[in-house]
Protein backbone atom coordinates (compact mmCIF):
# COMPACT_ATOMS: atom_id res chain seq x y z
CA MET A 1 -27.76 33.89 -68.68
CA LYS A 2 -25.27 36.04 -66.75
CA CYS A 3 -28.06 37.10 -64.35
CA GLN A 4 -29.14 33.45 -63.63
CA ALA A 5 -25.51 32.60 -63.12
CA ILE A 6 -25.10 35.51 -60.59
CA THR A 7 -28.34 34.41 -58.76
CA ARG A 8 -26.87 30.86 -58.57
CA ALA A 9 -23.69 32.42 -57.16
CA LEU A 10 -25.56 34.45 -54.64
CA SER A 11 -27.39 31.38 -53.44
CA LEU A 12 -24.07 29.64 -52.91
CA VAL A 13 -22.95 32.55 -50.98
CA LEU A 14 -26.04 32.24 -48.60
CA SER A 15 -25.60 28.63 -48.08
CA PHE A 16 -21.74 28.96 -47.36
CA LEU A 17 -22.59 31.76 -44.87
CA LEU A 18 -25.07 29.39 -43.05
CA MET A 19 -22.32 26.74 -42.78
CA ILE A 20 -19.81 29.07 -41.01
CA PRO A 21 -19.95 27.99 -37.20
CA LEU A 22 -21.28 30.14 -34.41
CA CYS A 23 -20.38 28.06 -31.58
CA LEU A 24 -17.36 26.30 -30.13
CA PRO A 25 -16.23 23.04 -31.64
CA LEU A 26 -18.39 19.74 -30.42
CA SER A 27 -16.79 18.02 -27.65
CA VAL A 28 -18.38 14.89 -26.16
CA SER A 29 -16.44 13.95 -22.98
CA ALA A 30 -16.77 10.22 -21.97
CA GLU A 31 -17.26 9.98 -18.12
CA GLU A 32 -14.15 7.96 -16.70
CA THR A 33 -15.61 4.66 -15.13
CA PRO A 34 -14.02 3.92 -11.79
CA PRO A 35 -12.80 0.34 -11.13
CA SER A 36 -15.64 -1.89 -10.43
CA SER A 37 -16.19 -5.33 -8.80
CA ILE A 38 -17.43 -8.07 -11.01
CA GLY A 39 -16.43 -10.98 -8.90
CA ALA A 40 -18.16 -13.84 -6.91
CA PRO A 41 -19.67 -13.40 -3.71
CA ASP A 42 -17.40 -13.16 -0.61
CA ASP A 43 -18.01 -16.70 0.50
CA SER A 44 -17.92 -18.43 -2.98
CA LEU A 45 -14.46 -19.94 -2.36
CA ALA A 46 -14.47 -19.99 1.29
CA LEU A 47 -10.70 -19.69 1.36
CA ASN A 48 -8.81 -20.69 4.46
CA CYS A 49 -7.57 -17.19 5.63
CA LYS A 50 -8.95 -14.26 7.49
CA SER A 51 -9.22 -12.20 4.41
CA ALA A 52 -8.47 -12.31 0.48
CA VAL A 53 -8.65 -10.21 -2.62
CA LEU A 54 -8.23 -10.92 -6.12
CA MET A 55 -7.70 -7.83 -8.31
CA GLU A 56 -7.09 -7.25 -11.96
CA ALA A 57 -3.98 -5.04 -12.06
CA HIS A 58 -4.38 -2.92 -15.16
CA THR A 59 -7.92 -1.72 -14.13
CA GLY A 60 -8.21 -2.43 -10.70
CA THR A 61 -11.37 -4.55 -11.19
CA VAL A 62 -11.98 -6.59 -8.06
CA LEU A 63 -12.73 -10.12 -9.12
CA TYR A 64 -12.98 -11.88 -5.67
CA ALA A 65 -13.07 -10.38 -2.19
CA GLN A 66 -13.35 -12.26 1.18
CA ASN A 67 -13.57 -9.89 4.42
CA ALA A 68 -11.47 -7.45 2.27
CA ALA A 69 -11.88 -4.47 4.40
CA GLU A 70 -10.80 -5.57 7.84
CA ALA A 71 -8.01 -3.99 9.25
CA LEU A 72 -5.37 -6.43 10.14
CA PRO A 73 -1.61 -6.71 10.99
CA PRO A 74 0.38 -6.98 7.57
CA ALA A 75 3.76 -8.03 8.71
CA SER A 76 6.37 -7.49 6.16
CA VAL A 77 3.80 -7.02 3.36
CA THR A 78 4.28 -3.47 4.76
CA LYS A 79 7.30 -3.22 2.52
CA ILE A 80 5.22 -2.85 -0.53
CA MET A 81 4.45 0.67 0.66
CA THR A 82 8.12 1.20 1.60
CA LEU A 83 9.07 0.10 -1.70
CA LEU A 84 6.60 2.16 -3.45
CA LEU A 85 8.02 5.23 -1.95
CA VAL A 86 11.49 4.27 -2.91
CA MET A 87 10.66 3.45 -6.56
CA GLU A 88 8.56 6.75 -6.86
CA ALA A 89 11.73 8.80 -5.68
CA LEU A 90 14.02 6.55 -7.81
CA ASP A 91 11.91 7.23 -11.08
CA ALA A 92 11.60 10.93 -10.23
CA GLY A 93 15.33 11.14 -10.69
CA LYS A 94 16.23 11.82 -6.82
CA PHE A 95 18.90 9.26 -7.08
CA LYS A 96 20.20 6.40 -9.24
CA LEU A 97 20.31 2.60 -8.52
CA SER A 98 24.16 2.92 -8.53
CA ASP A 99 24.05 5.48 -5.58
CA LEU A 100 25.58 4.37 -2.38
CA VAL A 101 23.33 3.95 0.91
CA THR A 102 25.12 4.11 4.29
CA ALA A 103 23.80 1.84 7.13
CA SER A 104 22.86 3.79 10.27
CA GLU A 105 23.13 2.34 13.71
CA ASN A 106 19.35 2.19 13.69
CA ALA A 107 19.24 0.29 10.51
CA ALA A 108 21.98 -2.20 11.55
CA SER A 109 19.89 -2.78 14.75
CA MET A 110 16.77 -4.20 13.02
CA GLY A 111 15.99 -7.98 13.94
CA GLY A 112 14.01 -10.42 12.03
CA SER A 113 14.74 -11.19 8.42
CA GLN A 114 17.94 -9.25 7.38
CA VAL A 115 21.00 -9.01 5.45
CA TYR A 116 23.10 -8.23 8.65
CA LEU A 117 24.36 -4.60 7.70
CA LYS A 118 27.13 -3.37 9.90
CA VAL A 119 26.93 0.31 11.13
CA GLY A 120 28.46 2.41 8.33
CA GLU A 121 28.62 -0.13 5.68
CA THR A 122 27.78 1.04 2.29
CA MET A 123 25.73 -0.77 -0.40
CA THR A 124 24.09 0.52 -3.65
CA VAL A 125 20.47 1.33 -3.77
CA GLU A 126 19.93 -1.60 -6.12
CA ASP A 127 21.46 -3.99 -3.72
CA MET A 128 19.38 -2.61 -0.83
CA ILE A 129 16.26 -2.87 -2.91
CA LYS A 130 17.11 -6.34 -4.02
CA SER A 131 17.59 -7.31 -0.31
CA VAL A 132 14.09 -5.89 0.56
CA VAL A 133 12.03 -7.47 -2.35
CA ILE A 134 13.92 -10.81 -2.50
CA SER A 135 14.72 -11.50 1.25
CA SER A 136 12.60 -9.12 3.19
CA ALA A 137 15.47 -7.63 4.77
CA ASN A 138 14.43 -5.38 7.76
CA ASP A 139 17.62 -3.60 7.99
CA ALA A 140 17.84 -2.70 4.26
CA ALA A 141 14.20 -1.15 4.60
CA VAL A 142 15.19 1.16 7.17
CA ALA A 143 18.52 1.99 5.49
CA LEU A 144 16.35 2.97 2.36
CA ALA A 145 13.95 5.06 4.43
CA GLU A 146 16.54 6.90 5.75
CA PHE A 147 18.29 7.49 2.47
CA VAL A 148 14.85 8.71 0.81
CA SER A 149 13.33 10.98 3.56
CA GLY A 150 16.33 11.41 6.13
CA ASP A 151 14.82 9.65 9.15
CA VAL A 152 12.30 6.88 9.57
CA SER A 153 9.56 8.86 11.18
CA THR A 154 9.40 11.44 8.24
CA PHE A 155 9.09 8.21 5.98
CA VAL A 156 6.53 6.74 7.83
CA ARG A 157 4.48 10.05 7.60
CA GLN A 158 4.96 9.79 4.01
CA MET A 159 3.73 6.34 3.89
CA ASN A 160 0.67 7.24 5.63
CA GLU A 161 0.01 10.21 3.23
CA ARG A 162 0.48 8.15 -0.06
CA ALA A 163 -1.95 5.43 1.65
CA LYS A 164 -4.56 8.25 1.86
CA GLU A 165 -3.99 9.40 -1.70
CA LEU A 166 -4.50 5.66 -2.82
CA GLY A 167 -7.80 5.40 -0.98
CA MET A 168 -6.27 3.05 1.72
CA ASP A 169 -8.78 3.87 4.27
CA SER A 170 -8.19 0.73 6.40
CA THR A 171 -4.46 1.53 6.77
CA VAL A 172 -2.34 2.94 9.41
CA PHE A 173 1.46 2.42 9.27
CA GLU A 174 3.66 2.75 12.37
CA ASN A 175 6.93 1.55 10.84
CA VAL A 176 8.57 0.62 7.50
CA THR A 177 9.05 -2.94 8.05
CA GLY A 178 5.98 -4.50 9.53
CA LEU A 179 7.73 -5.80 12.72
CA ASP A 180 4.72 -5.51 15.31
CA ASP A 181 5.94 -6.59 18.52
CA THR A 182 5.66 -3.19 19.94
CA ALA A 183 3.26 -1.65 17.06
CA GLU A 184 -0.21 -0.88 18.48
CA HIS A 185 -1.92 0.25 15.19
CA HIS A 186 0.04 -0.80 12.45
CA LEU A 187 -2.72 -2.25 10.34
CA THR A 188 -4.05 -2.58 6.71
CA SER A 189 -6.56 -4.57 4.84
CA ALA A 190 -6.55 -7.20 1.92
CA MET A 191 -8.15 -4.35 -0.39
CA ASP A 192 -5.55 -1.83 0.74
CA ILE A 193 -2.82 -4.30 0.02
CA ALA A 194 -4.09 -4.83 -3.33
CA ARG A 195 -4.26 -1.27 -4.00
CA MET A 196 -0.67 -0.29 -2.91
CA SER A 197 0.59 -3.47 -4.77
CA ARG A 198 -1.19 -2.35 -8.10
CA ALA A 199 0.56 1.09 -7.68
CA LEU A 200 3.90 -0.53 -6.68
CA ILE A 201 4.02 -2.83 -10.20
CA ALA A 202 3.31 0.32 -12.09
CA HIS A 203 7.07 0.77 -11.57
CA PRO A 204 8.24 -2.25 -13.79
CA THR A 205 11.86 -2.21 -12.33
CA VAL A 206 10.46 -3.63 -9.00
CA LEU A 207 9.28 -6.60 -10.83
CA LYS A 208 12.84 -7.11 -12.39
CA TYR A 209 13.71 -7.92 -8.75
CA SER A 210 10.71 -9.69 -7.37
CA SER A 211 10.82 -12.43 -10.03
CA ILE A 212 14.05 -13.30 -9.10
CA TRP A 213 14.30 -16.58 -7.14
CA MET A 214 18.08 -16.45 -6.14
CA ASP A 215 20.70 -13.93 -6.19
CA THR A 216 23.67 -12.40 -4.19
CA ILE A 217 24.96 -9.16 -2.74
CA ARG A 218 28.30 -8.11 -1.50
CA GLY A 219 29.98 -9.00 -4.75
CA GLY A 220 28.40 -12.75 -4.65
CA ALA A 221 29.54 -13.20 -0.80
CA PHE A 222 25.95 -13.16 0.63
CA GLY A 223 23.12 -15.14 -1.03
CA LEU A 224 19.57 -14.09 -1.45
CA THR A 225 16.67 -16.53 -1.62
CA ASN A 226 13.20 -15.39 -2.44
CA THR A 227 10.60 -15.59 0.43
CA ASN A 228 7.88 -15.98 -2.13
CA ARG A 229 7.99 -19.72 -3.11
CA LEU A 230 5.34 -19.09 -5.82
CA ILE A 231 7.97 -17.21 -7.83
CA ARG A 232 9.52 -20.91 -8.47
CA PHE A 233 6.45 -22.88 -8.41
CA TYR A 234 3.84 -20.99 -9.85
CA ARG A 235 3.52 -20.55 -13.58
CA GLY A 236 3.45 -16.82 -14.42
CA ALA A 237 4.18 -15.62 -11.08
CA THR A 238 6.12 -12.17 -11.12
CA GLY A 239 6.30 -11.08 -7.27
CA LEU A 240 5.41 -9.44 -4.98
CA LYS A 241 5.83 -9.67 -1.15
CA THR A 242 5.20 -12.02 1.76
CA GLY A 243 5.20 -11.50 5.51
CA SER A 244 4.50 -13.37 8.57
CA THR A 245 4.49 -12.62 12.44
CA SER A 246 2.87 -14.16 15.37
CA LYS A 247 0.11 -11.40 15.35
CA ALA A 248 -0.27 -11.27 11.49
CA GLY A 249 -0.21 -14.92 10.65
CA PHE A 250 1.22 -15.61 7.17
CA CYS A 251 0.32 -13.03 4.64
CA VAL A 252 1.07 -12.63 0.76
CA SER A 253 0.51 -10.25 -2.04
CA VAL A 254 1.17 -12.34 -5.23
CA THR A 255 1.36 -10.89 -8.71
CA ALA A 256 1.13 -13.17 -11.87
CA GLU A 257 0.41 -12.73 -15.58
CA ARG A 258 -0.92 -15.31 -18.16
CA ASP A 259 -1.96 -14.35 -21.75
CA GLY A 260 -2.21 -10.82 -20.95
CA LEU A 261 -4.21 -11.02 -17.71
CA SER A 262 -2.41 -9.68 -14.87
CA LEU A 263 -3.66 -10.47 -11.33
CA ILE A 264 -2.89 -9.35 -8.02
CA CYS A 265 -3.88 -11.84 -5.12
CA VAL A 266 -3.75 -10.91 -1.62
CA ILE A 267 -4.02 -13.38 1.28
CA MET A 268 -3.99 -12.23 4.93
CA GLY A 269 -4.02 -14.30 8.25
CA ALA A 270 -3.33 -17.67 6.99
CA GLU A 271 -2.27 -20.31 9.78
CA THR A 272 0.83 -21.54 8.01
CA ARG A 273 3.04 -20.60 5.18
CA ASP A 274 1.80 -23.68 3.22
CA ILE A 275 -1.75 -22.77 3.72
CA ARG A 276 -1.08 -19.21 2.56
CA ASN A 277 0.69 -20.56 -0.67
CA ALA A 278 -2.02 -23.05 -1.12
CA GLN A 279 -4.94 -20.49 -0.68
CA ALA A 280 -3.00 -18.10 -2.92
CA THR A 281 -2.66 -20.83 -5.60
CA ARG A 282 -6.20 -21.68 -5.46
CA LEU A 283 -7.25 -17.98 -5.87
CA LEU A 284 -4.98 -17.20 -8.77
CA ASP A 285 -6.12 -20.58 -10.69
CA TRP A 286 -9.95 -19.54 -10.07
CA GLY A 287 -9.08 -15.99 -11.75
CA PHE A 288 -7.13 -17.41 -14.75
CA ALA A 289 -9.80 -20.19 -15.40
CA ASN A 290 -12.67 -17.63 -15.02
CA TYR A 291 -11.59 -14.43 -16.55
CA THR A 292 -9.68 -12.96 -19.58
CA ALA A 293 -8.20 -9.72 -20.68
CA TYR A 294 -10.02 -7.91 -23.35
CA VAL A 295 -8.07 -5.31 -25.39
CA ALA A 296 -9.51 -3.08 -28.12
CA PRO A 297 -6.32 -1.43 -29.64
CA GLU A 298 -6.04 2.16 -30.58
CA GLU A 299 -7.33 2.59 -34.37
CA ALA A 300 -7.49 5.15 -36.74
CA LEU A 301 -11.06 5.92 -37.84
CA SER A 302 -12.67 7.61 -40.97
CA ALA A 303 -12.29 11.27 -41.21
CA ILE A 304 -15.15 13.37 -39.86
CA PRO A 305 -16.29 16.35 -42.00
CA VAL A 306 -15.41 19.74 -40.61
CA THR A 307 -17.54 22.82 -40.98
CA GLY A 308 -15.56 26.26 -41.35
CA GLY A 309 -11.96 24.68 -41.29
CA THR A 310 -9.00 25.05 -43.33
CA SER A 311 -9.53 21.24 -43.92
CA ALA A 312 -12.63 19.73 -45.17
CA SER A 313 -12.46 16.95 -42.60
CA VAL A 314 -10.26 15.73 -39.42
CA PRO A 315 -8.78 12.45 -38.99
CA ALA A 316 -10.15 10.60 -35.93
CA VAL A 317 -8.66 7.97 -33.74
CA ARG A 318 -10.23 5.64 -31.10
CA GLU A 319 -8.10 5.23 -27.90
CA GLU A 320 -7.40 1.77 -26.57
CA LEU A 321 -9.83 0.05 -24.28
CA ARG A 322 -8.79 -2.55 -21.67
CA CYS A 323 -10.92 -4.27 -19.28
CA VAL A 324 -11.27 -7.80 -17.61
CA LEU A 325 -14.29 -10.12 -18.82
CA PRO A 326 -15.71 -13.60 -17.70
CA ARG A 327 -14.20 -15.93 -20.38
CA ASP A 328 -17.72 -16.99 -21.65
CA GLU A 329 -18.39 -13.02 -22.50
CA ALA A 330 -15.25 -12.20 -24.46
CA SER A 331 -16.62 -13.48 -27.81
CA ARG A 332 -19.68 -11.42 -27.45
CA VAL A 333 -18.48 -8.09 -27.32
CA GLU A 334 -19.87 -5.45 -29.49
CA CYS A 335 -18.76 -1.84 -30.11
CA ARG A 336 -21.36 0.98 -30.80
CA MET A 337 -19.89 4.32 -32.26
CA GLU A 338 -21.24 7.75 -31.22
CA LEU A 339 -19.88 10.20 -33.55
CA PRO A 340 -21.15 13.76 -34.87
CA GLU A 341 -21.98 13.87 -38.45
CA ARG A 342 -19.98 17.14 -38.58
CA VAL A 343 -17.68 18.99 -36.19
CA ASP A 344 -16.94 22.71 -36.14
CA ALA A 345 -13.52 24.54 -36.54
CA PRO A 346 -11.08 25.18 -34.83
CA ILE A 347 -10.18 21.77 -33.63
CA THR A 348 -7.10 20.90 -31.58
CA ARG A 349 -5.32 17.63 -31.92
CA GLY A 350 -6.63 15.56 -28.93
CA ASP A 351 -10.05 17.07 -28.77
CA VAL A 352 -12.69 14.61 -27.84
CA LEU A 353 -15.22 14.25 -30.95
CA GLY A 354 -17.10 10.98 -29.72
CA LYS A 355 -16.77 7.71 -28.09
CA ALA A 356 -16.94 4.04 -28.67
CA ILE A 357 -19.28 2.04 -26.35
CA TYR A 358 -18.29 -1.55 -25.90
CA LEU A 359 -21.34 -3.90 -24.80
CA VAL A 360 -21.92 -7.50 -23.85
CA ASP A 361 -25.61 -8.48 -24.31
CA GLY A 362 -26.61 -4.96 -24.21
CA LYS A 363 -24.74 -4.04 -21.07
CA THR A 364 -22.03 -1.51 -21.22
CA ILE A 365 -18.53 -2.95 -20.36
CA GLY A 366 -16.56 0.15 -21.24
CA GLU A 367 -16.07 3.28 -23.06
CA ALA A 368 -13.18 4.63 -25.20
CA THR A 369 -13.04 8.30 -26.69
CA VAL A 370 -12.69 9.18 -30.12
CA THR A 371 -10.18 12.17 -30.49
CA ALA A 372 -8.77 14.42 -33.32
CA ALA A 373 -5.54 13.35 -34.74
CA GLN A 374 -4.56 16.77 -35.90
CA ASP A 375 -5.37 20.34 -35.65
CA VAL A 376 -7.82 22.14 -37.94
CA GLU A 377 -7.86 25.86 -37.81
CA ARG A 378 -11.03 27.84 -38.36
CA ILE A 379 -10.97 29.55 -42.01
CA GLY A 380 -9.70 33.08 -42.02
CA PHE A 381 -11.69 36.00 -43.42
CA PHE A 382 -9.36 36.33 -46.36
CA GLU A 383 -9.35 32.57 -46.98
CA PHE A 384 -13.16 32.83 -46.86
CA TRP A 385 -13.47 35.52 -49.59
CA ARG A 386 -10.99 33.69 -51.78
CA ARG A 387 -13.03 30.56 -51.68
CA LEU A 388 -15.95 32.53 -51.93
CA SER A 389 -14.74 34.27 -55.08
CA ALA A 390 -13.75 31.11 -56.72
CA ARG A 391 -17.16 29.72 -56.32
CA ILE A 392 -18.80 32.89 -57.68
CA LEU A 393 -16.68 32.76 -60.64
CA LEU A 394 -17.05 29.07 -61.14
CA ALA A 395 -20.90 29.44 -60.95
CA ALA A 396 -20.97 32.24 -63.19
CA GLY A 397 -19.01 30.35 -65.69
CA VAL A 398 -16.18 32.79 -65.63
């Protein structure tokens, strides 16, 4: 009987040895899907403007495009990029909202929309930002550019560098305001405006100001009224920037959110302010009527068995998936899990273990990675022999 027990124990040893991993932990990487276009054909709405884009803000998915890549004068919509560089520097801790900005002679000389800065006048960064966002103040935009980069030419160079980083291939900036009386090649496209708008609203502070209808600066002595009338008259509007010149016509980038769906609507080259606002309203209404946000929240999954680890299994978590879908598809979403039966130690928290594939009518709409929720070390030599000895003794009935 003892011999039989020892034989059974040796068999267990052999089985255990075969289970020790001879390779690195399994890692299935989910390829990141770039923002796509699921919208209507370019002429489906035939908007009364030179170009237009409707983009879902969280994913960058383009829902509608009309002549979207043509380079056109943007007027004061330019200030979206000006504000983006300001907000990035602010969030990087280079200065605070309470810091003071001094108006230079150059800033004070700006025409067009302004808050009438005087040479040497000081104003907080916050009030300068409010002046740009709410009232489209050219003098405040120049003052901020000089404050951030030292001079306007350096700031404009940084604007163009940031545009390249965002893939704004139709864009060239020549100034920080959008004034185009003397500008020769100050151009961008509706698609590029949507891209930089998306980058700007990733900084929530700007929406705090762009959603204001009326405010004041200089201790209440000077009133500000938002140039974007949709803030007051369109339900869910949160921003963002208007612009108009004789060259550009009437332009706007409007951000709005309803029921978790966040949209960016760009209109360029409308003939009048009322036409611009009407076309933006029409495009936003179309977007909210036809699309919805689909969110599969992060979720803890059943633990996956581990071979050769200090733990027998590793807890797994499915990451969040966020996408935009036609409203009639949202109820037909299915999820298919692709997970291994076992994974090999060692495992580090965050390692990709598999993925969840989301489909509508058999078509993939998105993927979410499944990752390890904790570390699992590979079993050491002494721990291996301790466990092995325990199994031998158990099998032998000792």
